[in-house]
C-alpha atoms as a PDB file:
ATOM      1  CA  MET A   1      89.590 116.354  96.881  1.00  0.00           C
ATOM      2  CA  LYS A   2      91.579 119.140  98.562  1.00  0.00           C
ATOM      3  CA  GLY A   3      92.151 119.652 102.281  1.00  0.00           C
ATOM      4  CA  LEU A   4      92.315 123.338 103.210  1.00  0.00           C
ATOM      5  CA  VAL A   5      92.430 125.300 106.439  1.00  0.00           C
ATOM      6  CA  GLY A   6      89.727 127.922 106.849  1.00  0.00           C
ATOM      7  CA  ASP A   7      89.571 130.921 104.654  1.00  0.00           C
ATOM      8  CA  ASP A   8      86.586 133.310 104.286  1.00  0.00           C
ATOM      9  CA  GLU A   9      87.343 133.829 100.540  1.00  0.00           C
ATOM     10  CA  ILE A  10      87.001 130.064  99.935  1.00  0.00           C
ATOM     11  CA  LEU A  11      83.628 129.935 101.812  1.00  0.00           C
ATOM     12  CA  ALA A  12      82.260 132.843  99.838  1.00  0.00           C
ATOM     13  CA  ASP A  13      82.754 131.214  96.391  1.00  0.00           C
ATOM     14  CA  GLY A  14      79.116 130.014  96.172  1.00  0.00           C
ATOM     15  CA  ILE A  15      79.940 126.324  96.429  1.00  0.00           C
ATOM     16  CA  PRO A  16      77.572 124.532  98.830  1.00  0.00           C
ATOM     17  CA  GLN A  17      78.849 123.841 102.313  1.00  0.00           C
ATOM     18  CA  ILE A  18      78.049 120.840 104.524  1.00  0.00           C
ATOM     19  CA  ALA A  19      79.310 121.477 108.120  1.00  0.00           C
ATOM     20  CA  PHE A  20      79.976 118.982 110.757  1.00  0.00           C
ATOM     21  CA  ILE A  21      79.734 119.882 114.430  1.00  0.00           C
ATOM     22  CA  GLY A  22      79.740 118.128 117.759  1.00  0.00           C
ATOM     23  CA  ARG A  23      81.616 117.927 120.986  1.00  0.00           C
ATOM     24  CA  SER A  24      85.208 116.885 121.041  1.00  0.00           C
ATOM     25  CA  ASN A  25      85.894 113.247 120.405  1.00  0.00           C
ATOM     26  CA  VAL A  26      82.439 112.598 118.970  1.00  0.00           C
ATOM     27  CA  GLY A  27      83.850 111.301 115.649  1.00  0.00           C
ATOM     28  CA  LYS A  28      83.395 114.188 113.275  1.00  0.00           C
ATOM     29  CA  SER A  29      86.697 113.537 111.354  1.00  0.00           C
ATOM     30  CA  SER A  30      86.058 109.808 111.221  1.00  0.00           C
ATOM     31  CA  LEU A  31      82.533 110.383 109.935  1.00  0.00           C
ATOM     32  CA  ILE A  32      83.954 112.637 107.203  1.00  0.00           C
ATOM     33  CA  ASN A  33      86.376 109.941 106.185  1.00  0.00           C
ATOM     34  CA  VAL A  34      83.659 107.295 106.035  1.00  0.00           C
ATOM     35  CA  LEU A  35      81.437 109.594 104.085  1.00  0.00           C
ATOM     36  CA  THR A  36      84.116 110.267 101.451  1.00  0.00           C
ATOM     37  CA  ASN A  37      85.600 106.813 101.567  1.00  0.00           C
ATOM     38  CA  SER A  38      89.013 108.324 102.197  1.00  0.00           C
ATOM     39  CA  LYS A  39      91.336 109.633 104.900  1.00  0.00           C
ATOM     40  CA  ILE A  40      91.088 113.342 104.048  1.00  0.00           C
ATOM     41  CA  SER A  41      90.318 114.395 107.642  1.00  0.00           C
ATOM     42  CA  ARG A  42      92.878 113.839 110.393  1.00  0.00           C
ATOM     43  CA  THR A  43      91.568 111.685 113.239  1.00  0.00           C
ATOM     44  CA  SER A  44      93.082 111.220 116.712  1.00  0.00           C
ATOM     45  CA  SER A  45      92.305 109.316 119.756  1.00  0.00           C
ATOM     46  CA  PHE A  46      92.920 112.639 121.672  1.00  0.00           C
ATOM     47  CA  ALA A  47      89.958 114.799 122.138  1.00  0.00           C
ATOM     48  CA  GLY A  48      90.235 118.329 120.863  1.00  0.00           C
ATOM     49  CA  ARG A  49      92.782 117.483 117.999  1.00  0.00           C
ATOM     50  CA  THR A  50      90.840 119.720 115.518  1.00  0.00           C
ATOM     51  CA  GLN A  51      91.279 123.365 116.638  1.00  0.00           C
ATOM     52  CA  GLU A  52      90.617 125.153 113.333  1.00  0.00           C
ATOM     53  CA  ILE A  53      88.049 124.910 110.552  1.00  0.00           C
ATOM     54  CA  ASN A  54      89.170 122.301 107.982  1.00  0.00           C
ATOM     55  CA  ILE A  55      87.625 122.649 104.613  1.00  0.00           C
ATOM     56  CA  PHE A  56      87.480 119.851 102.032  1.00  0.00           C
ATOM     57  CA  LEU A  57      86.487 120.527  98.386  1.00  0.00           C
ATOM     58  CA  ILE A  58      84.851 117.424  97.054  1.00  0.00           C
ATOM     59  CA  ASN A  59      84.717 116.928  93.240  1.00  0.00           C
ATOM     60  CA  ASP A  60      84.704 120.704  92.812  1.00  0.00           C
ATOM     61  CA  SER A  61      81.020 120.562  93.694  1.00  0.00           C
ATOM     62  CA  PHE A  62      80.701 120.960  97.486  1.00  0.00           C
ATOM     63  CA  TYR A  63      82.648 121.638 100.656  1.00  0.00           C
ATOM     64  CA  LEU A  64      82.740 119.420 103.730  1.00  0.00           C
ATOM     65  CA  VAL A  65      83.495 121.593 106.671  1.00  0.00           C
ATOM     66  CA  ASP A  66      85.077 119.971 109.744  1.00  0.00           C
ATOM     67  CA  LEU A  67      84.518 122.313 112.679  1.00  0.00           C
ATOM     68  CA  PRO A  68      86.478 122.032 116.014  1.00  0.00           C
ATOM     69  CA  GLY A  69      84.671 120.134 118.700  1.00  0.00           C
ATOM     70  CA  TYR A  70      83.064 122.072 121.467  1.00  0.00           C
ATOM     71  CA  GLY A  71      83.398 121.298 125.225  1.00  0.00           C
ATOM     72  CA  PHE A  72      87.014 120.150 125.443  1.00  0.00           C
ATOM     73  CA  ALA A  73      88.057 120.519 129.123  1.00  0.00           C
ATOM     74  CA  ARG A  74      91.854 120.196 128.487  1.00  0.00           C
ATOM     75  CA  SER A  75      92.054 123.403 126.369  1.00  0.00           C
ATOM     76  CA  SER A  76      92.956 126.485 128.310  1.00  0.00           C
ATOM     77  CA  GLY A  77      90.005 128.957 129.008  1.00  0.00           C
ATOM     78  CA  LEU A  78      91.278 131.286 126.272  1.00  0.00           C
ATOM     79  CA  GLY A  79      91.663 128.240 123.841  1.00  0.00           C
ATOM     80  CA  ARG A  80      88.037 127.174 124.525  1.00  0.00           C
ATOM     81  CA  GLU A  81      86.821 130.702 124.126  1.00  0.00           C
ATOM     82  CA  LYS A  82      88.702 131.181 120.799  1.00  0.00           C
ATOM     83  CA  ILE A  83      87.346 127.786 119.539  1.00  0.00           C
ATOM     84  CA  GLY A  84      83.782 128.821 120.564  1.00  0.00           C
ATOM     85  CA  GLU A  85      84.150 132.210 118.751  1.00  0.00           C
ATOM     86  CA  LEU A  86      85.441 130.422 115.576  1.00  0.00           C
ATOM     87  CA  ILE A  87      82.487 127.986 115.634  1.00  0.00           C
ATOM     88  CA  ASP A  88      79.929 130.736 116.264  1.00  0.00           C
ATOM     89  CA  SER A  89      81.522 132.990 113.556  1.00  0.00           C
ATOM     90  CA  TYR A  90      81.271 130.231 110.936  1.00  0.00           C
ATOM     91  CA  LEU A  91      77.803 128.860 111.824  1.00  0.00           C
ATOM     92  CA  PHE A  92      75.993 131.950 112.744  1.00  0.00           C
ATOM     93  CA  ASN A  93      77.631 134.765 110.796  1.00  0.00           C
ATOM     94  CA  SER A  94      75.346 135.939 108.012  1.00  0.00           C
ATOM     95  CA  ILE A  95      78.099 135.831 105.361  1.00  0.00           C
ATOM     96  CA  HIS A  96      78.400 132.013 105.734  1.00  0.00           C
ATOM     97  CA  SER A  97      75.559 129.834 104.408  1.00  0.00           C
ATOM     98  CA  GLN A  98      75.607 126.145 104.898  1.00  0.00           C
ATOM     99  CA  LYS A  99      73.429 123.889 102.790  1.00  0.00           C
ATOM    100  CA  LYS A 100      73.213 121.457 105.655  1.00  0.00           C
ATOM    101  CA  ILE A 101      74.736 121.028 109.098  1.00  0.00           C
ATOM    102  CA  VAL A 102      75.379 117.692 110.645  1.00  0.00           C
ATOM    103  CA  LEU A 103      75.144 117.762 114.460  1.00  0.00           C
ATOM    104  CA  ILE A 104      76.902 114.672 115.689  1.00  0.00           C
ATOM    105  CA  ILE A 105      75.895 113.300 119.090  1.00  0.00           C
ATOM    106  CA  ASP A 106      77.664 110.356 120.837  1.00  0.00           C
ATOM    107  CA  LEU A 107      74.759 107.993 121.406  1.00  0.00           C
ATOM    108  CA  CYS A 108      76.815 106.252 124.204  1.00  0.00           C
ATOM    109  CA  VAL A 109      76.841 109.496 126.206  1.00  0.00           C
ATOM    110  CA  GLY A 110      73.604 111.050 124.968  1.00  0.00           C
ATOM    111  CA  MET A 111      73.040 114.751 124.575  1.00  0.00           C
ATOM    112  CA  THR A 112      75.266 116.819 126.901  1.00  0.00           C
ATOM    113  CA  ASP A 113      74.372 120.257 128.041  1.00  0.00           C
ATOM    114  CA  LYS A 114      76.659 121.684 125.326  1.00  0.00           C
ATOM    115  CA  ASP A 115      74.918 119.526 122.752  1.00  0.00           C
ATOM    116  CA  VAL A 116      71.595 120.850 123.839  1.00  0.00           C
ATOM    117  CA  LEU A 117      72.854 124.468 123.639  1.00  0.00           C
ATOM    118  CA  MET A 118      74.156 123.827 120.072  1.00  0.00           C
ATOM    119  CA  PHE A 119      70.868 122.161 119.098  1.00  0.00           C
ATOM    120  CA  ASN A 120      68.978 125.174 120.433  1.00  0.00           C
ATOM    121  CA  GLU A 121      71.261 127.617 118.575  1.00  0.00           C
ATOM    122  CA  LEU A 122      70.798 125.816 115.309  1.00  0.00           C
ATOM    123  CA  ILE A 123      66.989 126.045 115.740  1.00  0.00           C
ATOM    124  CA  ASP A 124      67.226 129.693 116.792  1.00  0.00           C
ATOM    125  CA  HIS A 125      69.217 130.561 113.630  1.00  0.00           C
ATOM    126  CA  ASN A 126      66.898 128.513 111.376  1.00  0.00           C
ATOM    127  CA  LYS A 127      69.559 126.184 110.307  1.00  0.00           C
ATOM    128  CA  ASN A 128      68.903 123.147 108.115  1.00  0.00           C
ATOM    129  CA  PHE A 129      70.415 120.321 110.023  1.00  0.00           C
ATOM    130  CA  ILE A 130      70.485 116.561 110.647  1.00  0.00           C
ATOM    131  CA  VAL A 131      71.269 114.818 113.994  1.00  0.00           C
ATOM    132  CA  VAL A 132      73.709 111.906 113.730  1.00  0.00           C
ATOM    133  CA  ALA A 133      73.593 109.534 116.593  1.00  0.00           C
ATOM    134  CA  ASN A 134      77.146 108.221 116.395  1.00  0.00           C
ATOM    135  CA  LYS A 135      78.882 105.112 117.874  1.00  0.00           C
ATOM    136  CA  VAL A 136      75.883 102.855 117.813  1.00  0.00           C
ATOM    137  CA  ASP A 137      78.170  99.960 117.353  1.00  0.00           C
ATOM    138  CA  ARG A 138      79.403 100.378 120.944  1.00  0.00           C
ATOM    139  CA  LEU A 139      75.981  99.789 122.471  1.00  0.00           C
ATOM    140  CA  THR A 140      74.055  96.605 123.229  1.00  0.00           C
ATOM    141  CA  GLN A 141      70.626  96.341 121.639  1.00  0.00           C
ATOM    142  CA  SER A 142      68.856  97.387 124.870  1.00  0.00           C
ATOM    143  CA  GLU A 143      71.280 100.364 125.446  1.00  0.00           C
ATOM    144  CA  TYR A 144      70.722 101.442 121.818  1.00  0.00           C
ATOM    145  CA  HIS A 145      66.952 101.334 122.140  1.00  0.00           C
ATOM    146  CA  LYS A 146      66.949 103.150 125.441  1.00  0.00           C
ATOM    147  CA  ASN A 147      69.425 105.933 124.229  1.00  0.00           C
ATOM    148  CA  ILE A 148      67.787 106.366 120.822  1.00  0.00           C
ATOM    149  CA  THR A 149      64.379 106.740 122.421  1.00  0.00           C
ATOM    150  CA  LEU A 150      65.703 109.326 124.868  1.00  0.00           C
ATOM    151  CA  LEU A 151      67.341 111.211 122.047  1.00  0.00           C
ATOM    152  CA  LYS A 152      64.108 111.283 119.992  1.00  0.00           C
ATOM    153  CA  LYS A 153      62.209 112.454 123.005  1.00  0.00           C
ATOM    154  CA  MET A 154      64.743 115.294 123.666  1.00  0.00           C
ATOM    155  CA  ILE A 155      64.763 116.631 120.044  1.00  0.00           C
ATOM    156  CA  GLY A 156      61.246 116.059 119.080  1.00  0.00           C
ATOM    157  CA  ASP A 157      59.789 114.981 115.671  1.00  0.00           C
ATOM    158  CA  GLY A 158      60.964 117.793 113.562  1.00  0.00           C
ATOM    159  CA  TYR A 159      64.547 116.756 113.023  1.00  0.00           C
ATOM    160  CA  PRO A 160      65.907 113.634 111.261  1.00  0.00           C
ATOM    161  CA  ILE A 161      68.098 111.376 113.373  1.00  0.00           C
ATOM    162  CA  VAL A 162      70.512 109.043 111.654  1.00  0.00           C
ATOM    163  CA  PRO A 163      71.880 106.198 113.849  1.00  0.00           C
ATOM    164  CA  PHE A 164      75.509 105.829 112.580  1.00  0.00           C
ATOM    165  CA  SER A 165      78.650 103.789 113.052  1.00  0.00           C
ATOM    166  CA  THR A 166      81.971 104.720 111.370  1.00  0.00           C
ATOM    167  CA  LYS A 167      83.090 101.098 111.995  1.00  0.00           C
ATOM    168  CA  THR A 168      80.202  99.269 110.446  1.00  0.00           C
ATOM    169  CA  LYS A 169      79.044 102.065 108.223  1.00  0.00           C
ATOM    170  CA  LYS A 170      75.439 101.732 109.524  1.00  0.00           C
ATOM    171  CA  GLY A 171      73.544 104.808 108.439  1.00  0.00           C
ATOM    172  CA  LEU A 172      75.849 105.776 105.670  1.00  0.00           C
ATOM    173  CA  GLU A 173      73.384 105.681 102.784  1.00  0.00           C
ATOM    174  CA  GLU A 174      70.667 107.402 104.845  1.00  0.00           C
ATOM    175  CA  LEU A 175      73.119 110.129 105.773  1.00  0.00           C
ATOM    176  CA  ARG A 176      74.255 110.603 102.197  1.00  0.00           C
ATOM    177  CA  ASP A 177      70.676 110.848 101.097  1.00  0.00           C
ATOM    178  CA  LEU A 178      69.789 113.457 103.659  1.00  0.00           C
ATOM    179  CA  ILE A 179      72.912 115.551 103.107  1.00  0.00           C
ATOM    180  CA  PHE A 180      72.576 115.677  99.371  1.00  0.00           C
ATOM    181  CA  GLU A 181      68.774 115.902  98.992  1.00  0.00           C
END
């Protein structure tokens, strides 16, 4: 496995790309680490730590692409704008083609306005994506059922939702199956 910082030449080599997107502090890097059973992606308790595209070549057969989080309030306006442009350029520029996109939602919080915007952009650009409802281990059973029902109602039936926990690894096999199908 190699950890690399974004480069268009790398992304144009024909190797399949699996991108991870979500708001800041939703657990993108932790999810990548659980998925790869490693610590390839830097994690932090501080929101907005990832401010670039991080690319990891796995077994010379596919890339995992860790995108910066959207919606981090402590970044300056210009910083937020540049991060937004970086995300949009990678996800919606015709030269980049993702095999799958993993949209990560914090199930404790639910879909924020920015999550809804990203969800709609992915639909508008005909992207192949999965919704991961992360941090399920932090909810009581009743909170979990309430929040997952609301999430399903918001996104409809056409998109898979994987309830996930980086701590307990709940949903790991289902996510792997959906990513690599």
